[in-house]
Amino acid sequence: MNAKRILALFAAVALPVSAQTATPRVDQRQANQEARIQKGVQSGALTGKEAAKLDQGQAKVQAKEDKAKADGKVTARERDKLAKAQDKQSRKIAKEKHDKQRATN
């Protein structure tokens, strides 16, 4: 088999697998939530302890995403679970950013 055929075969097999495990919406939301945490730290709305706890929550959501991707396919049910976990984390971020605790610089 020549090199072009091997590359074409590899691309044909790899593309569907990567499309099934791609979670761009989840990834973008994770990035947005991490940015919200960093902005909260910079503005003083989040204390170091609050930010660390929120970062742990983000890591748990990431672990759930990694587990969902492990078998090569992220099902609709797994996507729903990830969305719910992100919703919960988003509420926690908002709650901590808007409480009366302020970081002292």
N, C-alpha and C. Protein backbone atom coordinates (compact mmCIF):
# COMPACT_ATOMS: atom_id res chain seq x y z
N MET A 1 0.84 -1.17 0.00
CA MET A 1 0.00 0.00 0.00
C MET A 1 0.89 1.24 0.00
N ASN A 2 0.52 2.19 -0.80
CA ASN A 2 1.36 3.38 -0.82
C ASN A 2 0.99 4.32 0.33
N ALA A 3 1.80 5.32 0.53
CA ALA A 3 1.65 6.21 1.69
C ALA A 3 0.34 6.99 1.65
N LYS A 4 -0.11 7.40 0.47
CA LYS A 4 -1.36 8.16 0.36
C LYS A 4 -2.55 7.33 0.82
N ARG A 5 -2.55 6.07 0.44
CA ARG A 5 -3.66 5.19 0.84
C ARG A 5 -3.66 4.97 2.35
N ILE A 6 -2.49 4.82 2.92
CA ILE A 6 -2.39 4.62 4.36
C ILE A 6 -2.89 5.86 5.10
N LEU A 7 -2.48 7.04 4.64
CA LEU A 7 -2.95 8.27 5.27
C LEU A 7 -4.45 8.44 5.12
N ALA A 8 -4.99 8.13 3.95
CA ALA A 8 -6.43 8.25 3.72
C ALA A 8 -7.19 7.29 4.62
N LEU A 9 -6.69 6.08 4.77
CA LEU A 9 -7.33 5.09 5.63
C LEU A 9 -7.29 5.55 7.08
N PHE A 10 -6.16 6.06 7.52
CA PHE A 10 -6.03 6.55 8.89
C PHE A 10 -6.99 7.71 9.14
N ALA A 11 -7.07 8.64 8.20
CA ALA A 11 -7.96 9.80 8.35
C ALA A 11 -9.42 9.36 8.40
N ALA A 12 -9.78 8.39 7.60
CA ALA A 12 -11.16 7.91 7.57
C ALA A 12 -11.55 7.25 8.89
N VAL A 13 -10.60 6.59 9.53
CA VAL A 13 -10.88 5.93 10.81
C VAL A 13 -10.81 6.93 11.96
N ALA A 14 -9.86 7.82 11.95
CA ALA A 14 -9.64 8.74 13.06
C ALA A 14 -10.70 9.83 13.13
N LEU A 15 -11.19 10.32 12.01
CA LEU A 15 -12.14 11.41 12.01
C LEU A 15 -13.44 11.09 12.74
N PRO A 16 -14.09 9.97 12.47
CA PRO A 16 -15.32 9.69 13.20
C PRO A 16 -15.10 9.53 14.70
N VAL A 17 -13.99 8.96 15.10
CA VAL A 17 -13.71 8.78 16.52
C VAL A 17 -13.52 10.13 17.19
N SER A 18 -12.76 11.02 16.57
CA SER A 18 -12.53 12.33 17.17
C SER A 18 -13.83 13.14 17.19
N ALA A 19 -14.68 12.98 16.20
CA ALA A 19 -15.94 13.70 16.18
C ALA A 19 -16.87 13.21 17.29
N GLN A 20 -16.80 11.94 17.61
CA GLN A 20 -17.66 11.39 18.65
C GLN A 20 -17.18 11.80 20.04
N THR A 21 -15.90 12.03 20.20
CA THR A 21 -15.38 12.38 21.52
C THR A 21 -15.18 13.88 21.69
N ALA A 22 -15.42 14.64 20.64
CA ALA A 22 -15.23 16.09 20.73
C ALA A 22 -16.34 16.69 21.59
N THR A 23 -15.95 17.56 22.48
CA THR A 23 -16.91 18.25 23.34
C THR A 23 -16.56 19.74 23.37
N PRO A 24 -16.65 20.41 22.22
CA PRO A 24 -16.24 21.81 22.17
C PRO A 24 -17.08 22.71 23.08
N ARG A 25 -18.35 22.43 23.20
CA ARG A 25 -19.21 23.25 24.05
C ARG A 25 -18.80 23.12 25.51
N VAL A 26 -18.50 21.90 25.93
CA VAL A 26 -18.06 21.65 27.30
C VAL A 26 -16.71 22.33 27.52
N ASP A 27 -15.80 22.17 26.58
CA ASP A 27 -14.47 22.76 26.72
C ASP A 27 -14.54 24.28 26.80
N GLN A 28 -15.37 24.90 25.97
CA GLN A 28 -15.49 26.35 25.97
C GLN A 28 -16.09 26.84 27.29
N ARG A 29 -17.07 26.10 27.78
CA ARG A 29 -17.69 26.50 29.04
C ARG A 29 -16.71 26.36 30.20
N GLN A 30 -15.90 25.30 30.17
CA GLN A 30 -14.87 25.14 31.20
C GLN A 30 -13.92 26.33 31.19
N ALA A 31 -13.50 26.73 30.01
CA ALA A 31 -12.59 27.87 29.88
C ALA A 31 -13.24 29.15 30.40
N ASN A 32 -14.52 29.35 30.08
CA ASN A 32 -15.23 30.54 30.54
C ASN A 32 -15.33 30.56 32.06
N GLN A 33 -15.62 29.41 32.65
CA GLN A 33 -15.75 29.36 34.10
C GLN A 33 -14.41 29.57 34.79
N GLU A 34 -13.36 29.04 34.23
CA GLU A 34 -12.03 29.27 34.79
C GLU A 34 -11.66 30.74 34.71
N ALA A 35 -12.05 31.40 33.61
CA ALA A 35 -11.79 32.83 33.47
C ALA A 35 -12.59 33.63 34.50
N ARG A 36 -13.82 33.20 34.77
CA ARG A 36 -14.63 33.88 35.79
C ARG A 36 -13.97 33.79 37.16
N ILE A 37 -13.41 32.63 37.45
CA ILE A 37 -12.72 32.46 38.73
C ILE A 37 -11.51 33.39 38.80
N GLN A 38 -10.72 33.43 37.74
CA GLN A 38 -9.52 34.29 37.72
C GLN A 38 -9.89 35.77 37.86
N LYS A 39 -10.97 36.19 37.19
CA LYS A 39 -11.41 37.57 37.30
C LYS A 39 -11.86 37.88 38.72
N GLY A 40 -12.49 36.91 39.36
CA GLY A 40 -12.91 37.09 40.75
C GLY A 40 -11.73 37.26 41.69
N VAL A 41 -10.68 36.50 41.42
CA VAL A 41 -9.46 36.62 42.23
C VAL A 41 -8.83 38.00 42.00
N GLN A 42 -8.74 38.40 40.76
CA GLN A 42 -8.11 39.69 40.42
C GLN A 42 -8.88 40.87 41.01
N SER A 43 -10.20 40.77 41.02
CA SER A 43 -11.01 41.89 41.53
C SER A 43 -11.12 41.88 43.05
N GLY A 44 -10.76 40.76 43.66
CA GLY A 44 -10.87 40.64 45.10
C GLY A 44 -12.21 40.06 45.55
N ALA A 45 -13.09 39.74 44.59
CA ALA A 45 -14.40 39.17 44.92
C ALA A 45 -14.27 37.75 45.46
N LEU A 46 -13.18 37.08 45.13
CA LEU A 46 -12.92 35.73 45.62
C LEU A 46 -11.68 35.73 46.50
N THR A 47 -11.77 35.05 47.62
CA THR A 47 -10.59 34.86 48.46
C THR A 47 -9.78 33.72 47.88
N GLY A 48 -8.56 33.56 48.33
CA GLY A 48 -7.73 32.46 47.87
C GLY A 48 -8.36 31.11 48.17
N LYS A 49 -8.95 30.99 49.35
CA LYS A 49 -9.60 29.74 49.75
C LYS A 49 -10.81 29.44 48.86
N GLU A 50 -11.60 30.46 48.57
CA GLU A 50 -12.77 30.27 47.70
C GLU A 50 -12.32 29.85 46.29
N ALA A 51 -11.29 30.52 45.78
CA ALA A 51 -10.80 30.21 44.44
C ALA A 51 -10.27 28.77 44.38
N ALA A 52 -9.56 28.35 45.43
CA ALA A 52 -9.03 26.98 45.46
C ALA A 52 -10.16 25.96 45.45
N LYS A 53 -11.21 26.24 46.21
CA LYS A 53 -12.36 25.33 46.26
C LYS A 53 -13.07 25.28 44.90
N LEU A 54 -13.21 26.43 44.27
CA LEU A 54 -13.84 26.46 42.94
C LEU A 54 -12.97 25.77 41.90
N ASP A 55 -11.66 25.91 42.01
CA ASP A 55 -10.75 25.21 41.10
C ASP A 55 -10.88 23.69 41.26
N GLN A 56 -11.08 23.24 42.49
CA GLN A 56 -11.29 21.81 42.72
C GLN A 56 -12.58 21.34 42.04
N GLY A 57 -13.61 22.17 42.11
CA GLY A 57 -14.87 21.85 41.43
C GLY A 57 -14.69 21.76 39.93
N GLN A 58 -13.90 22.68 39.38
CA GLN A 58 -13.61 22.64 37.94
C GLN A 58 -12.86 21.36 37.58
N ALA A 59 -11.95 20.96 38.44
CA ALA A 59 -11.18 19.73 38.19
C ALA A 59 -12.10 18.52 38.20
N LYS A 60 -13.11 18.53 39.07
CA LYS A 60 -14.06 17.41 39.11
C LYS A 60 -14.87 17.33 37.82
N VAL A 61 -15.28 18.48 37.32
CA VAL A 61 -16.02 18.50 36.05
C VAL A 61 -15.12 17.99 34.93
N GLN A 62 -13.85 18.40 34.94
CA GLN A 62 -12.90 17.93 33.92
C GLN A 62 -12.71 16.42 34.01
N ALA A 63 -12.66 15.90 35.23
CA ALA A 63 -12.52 14.45 35.41
C ALA A 63 -13.74 13.72 34.85
N LYS A 64 -14.92 14.29 35.04
CA LYS A 64 -16.14 13.68 34.49
C LYS A 64 -16.09 13.69 32.97
N GLU A 65 -15.59 14.78 32.40
CA GLU A 65 -15.47 14.86 30.94
C GLU A 65 -14.46 13.82 30.44
N ASP A 66 -13.34 13.71 31.11
CA ASP A 66 -12.32 12.73 30.72
C ASP A 66 -12.88 11.31 30.79
N LYS A 67 -13.65 11.03 31.82
CA LYS A 67 -14.25 9.70 31.97
C LYS A 67 -15.26 9.44 30.85
N ALA A 68 -16.03 10.46 30.49
CA ALA A 68 -17.01 10.31 29.42
C ALA A 68 -16.32 10.03 28.08
N LYS A 69 -15.17 10.64 27.87
CA LYS A 69 -14.43 10.46 26.62
C LYS A 69 -13.63 9.16 26.57
N ALA A 70 -13.45 8.51 27.71
CA ALA A 70 -12.54 7.36 27.80
C ALA A 70 -12.89 6.23 26.86
N ASP A 71 -14.17 5.99 26.62
CA ASP A 71 -14.56 4.87 25.77
C ASP A 71 -14.63 5.26 24.30
N GLY A 72 -14.31 6.51 23.98
CA GLY A 72 -14.26 6.93 22.59
C GLY A 72 -15.56 7.54 22.08
N LYS A 73 -16.60 7.58 22.91
CA LYS A 73 -17.87 8.16 22.48
C LYS A 73 -18.53 8.84 23.68
N VAL A 74 -18.91 10.10 23.48
CA VAL A 74 -19.63 10.83 24.52
C VAL A 74 -21.10 10.77 24.14
N THR A 75 -21.88 10.06 24.95
CA THR A 75 -23.30 9.89 24.66
C THR A 75 -24.10 11.13 25.05
N ALA A 76 -25.33 11.19 24.61
CA ALA A 76 -26.21 12.30 24.95
C ALA A 76 -26.42 12.36 26.46
N ARG A 77 -26.54 11.22 27.08
CA ARG A 77 -26.72 11.17 28.54
C ARG A 77 -25.48 11.73 29.26
N GLU A 78 -24.30 11.37 28.77
CA GLU A 78 -23.07 11.89 29.35
C GLU A 78 -22.97 13.40 29.17
N ARG A 79 -23.39 13.88 27.99
CA ARG A 79 -23.39 15.33 27.74
C ARG A 79 -24.33 16.05 28.72
N ASP A 80 -25.50 15.44 28.96
CA ASP A 80 -26.44 16.03 29.91
C ASP A 80 -25.86 16.09 31.31
N LYS A 81 -25.18 15.02 31.72
CA LYS A 81 -24.56 15.00 33.05
C LYS A 81 -23.47 16.06 33.16
N LEU A 82 -22.70 16.21 32.09
CA LEU A 82 -21.66 17.24 32.09
C LEU A 82 -22.27 18.63 32.17
N ALA A 83 -23.35 18.85 31.44
CA ALA A 83 -24.01 20.16 31.47
C ALA A 83 -24.54 20.47 32.87
N LYS A 84 -25.12 19.46 33.51
CA LYS A 84 -25.64 19.67 34.87
C LYS A 84 -24.51 19.95 35.86
N ALA A 85 -23.40 19.26 35.71
CA ALA A 85 -22.25 19.50 36.58
C ALA A 85 -21.71 20.92 36.36
N GLN A 86 -21.69 21.36 35.11
CA GLN A 86 -21.23 22.71 34.82
C GLN A 86 -22.21 23.76 35.34
N ASP A 87 -23.51 23.47 35.25
CA ASP A 87 -24.51 24.40 35.80
C ASP A 87 -24.30 24.56 37.30
N LYS A 88 -24.09 23.45 37.98
CA LYS A 88 -23.87 23.48 39.43
C LYS A 88 -22.62 24.28 39.76
N GLN A 89 -21.56 24.06 39.02
CA GLN A 89 -20.31 24.78 39.25
C GLN A 89 -20.49 26.27 38.97
N SER A 90 -21.25 26.60 37.94
CA SER A 90 -21.50 28.00 37.61
C SER A 90 -22.24 28.71 38.74
N ARG A 91 -23.22 28.04 39.32
CA ARG A 91 -23.94 28.62 40.46
C ARG A 91 -23.01 28.85 41.65
N LYS A 92 -22.10 27.90 41.88
CA LYS A 92 -21.15 28.05 42.98
C LYS A 92 -20.24 29.24 42.76
N ILE A 93 -19.79 29.41 41.52
CA ILE A 93 -18.92 30.55 41.21
C ILE A 93 -19.66 31.86 41.48
N ALA A 94 -20.89 31.96 40.98
CA ALA A 94 -21.68 33.18 41.19
C ALA A 94 -21.90 33.44 42.67
N LYS A 95 -22.23 32.40 43.41
CA LYS A 95 -22.50 32.56 44.85
C LYS A 95 -21.26 33.08 45.57
N GLU A 96 -20.12 32.49 45.30
CA GLU A 96 -18.89 32.89 45.98
C GLU A 96 -18.43 34.29 45.57
N LYS A 97 -18.63 34.64 44.30
CA LYS A 97 -18.21 35.96 43.84
C LYS A 97 -19.07 37.07 44.43
N HIS A 98 -20.31 36.76 44.77
CA HIS A 98 -21.24 37.79 45.23
C HIS A 98 -21.55 37.72 46.72
N ASP A 99 -20.79 36.92 47.45
CA ASP A 99 -20.98 36.93 48.90
C ASP A 99 -20.24 38.13 49.47
N LYS A 100 -20.31 38.31 50.76
CA LYS A 100 -19.72 39.49 51.38
C LYS A 100 -18.23 39.34 51.68
N GLN A 101 -17.68 38.16 51.45
CA GLN A 101 -16.25 37.96 51.71
C GLN A 101 -15.44 38.65 50.61
N ARG A 102 -14.39 39.32 51.02
CA ARG A 102 -13.50 39.98 50.09
C ARG A 102 -12.07 39.57 50.39
N ALA A 103 -11.27 39.45 49.36
CA ALA A 103 -9.86 39.14 49.55
C ALA A 103 -9.16 40.41 50.02
N THR A 104 -8.26 40.23 50.96
CA THR A 104 -7.49 41.38 51.43
C THR A 104 -6.12 41.35 50.76
N ASN A 105 -5.74 42.45 50.18
CA ASN A 105 -4.47 42.51 49.46
C ASN A 105 -3.41 43.14 50.28
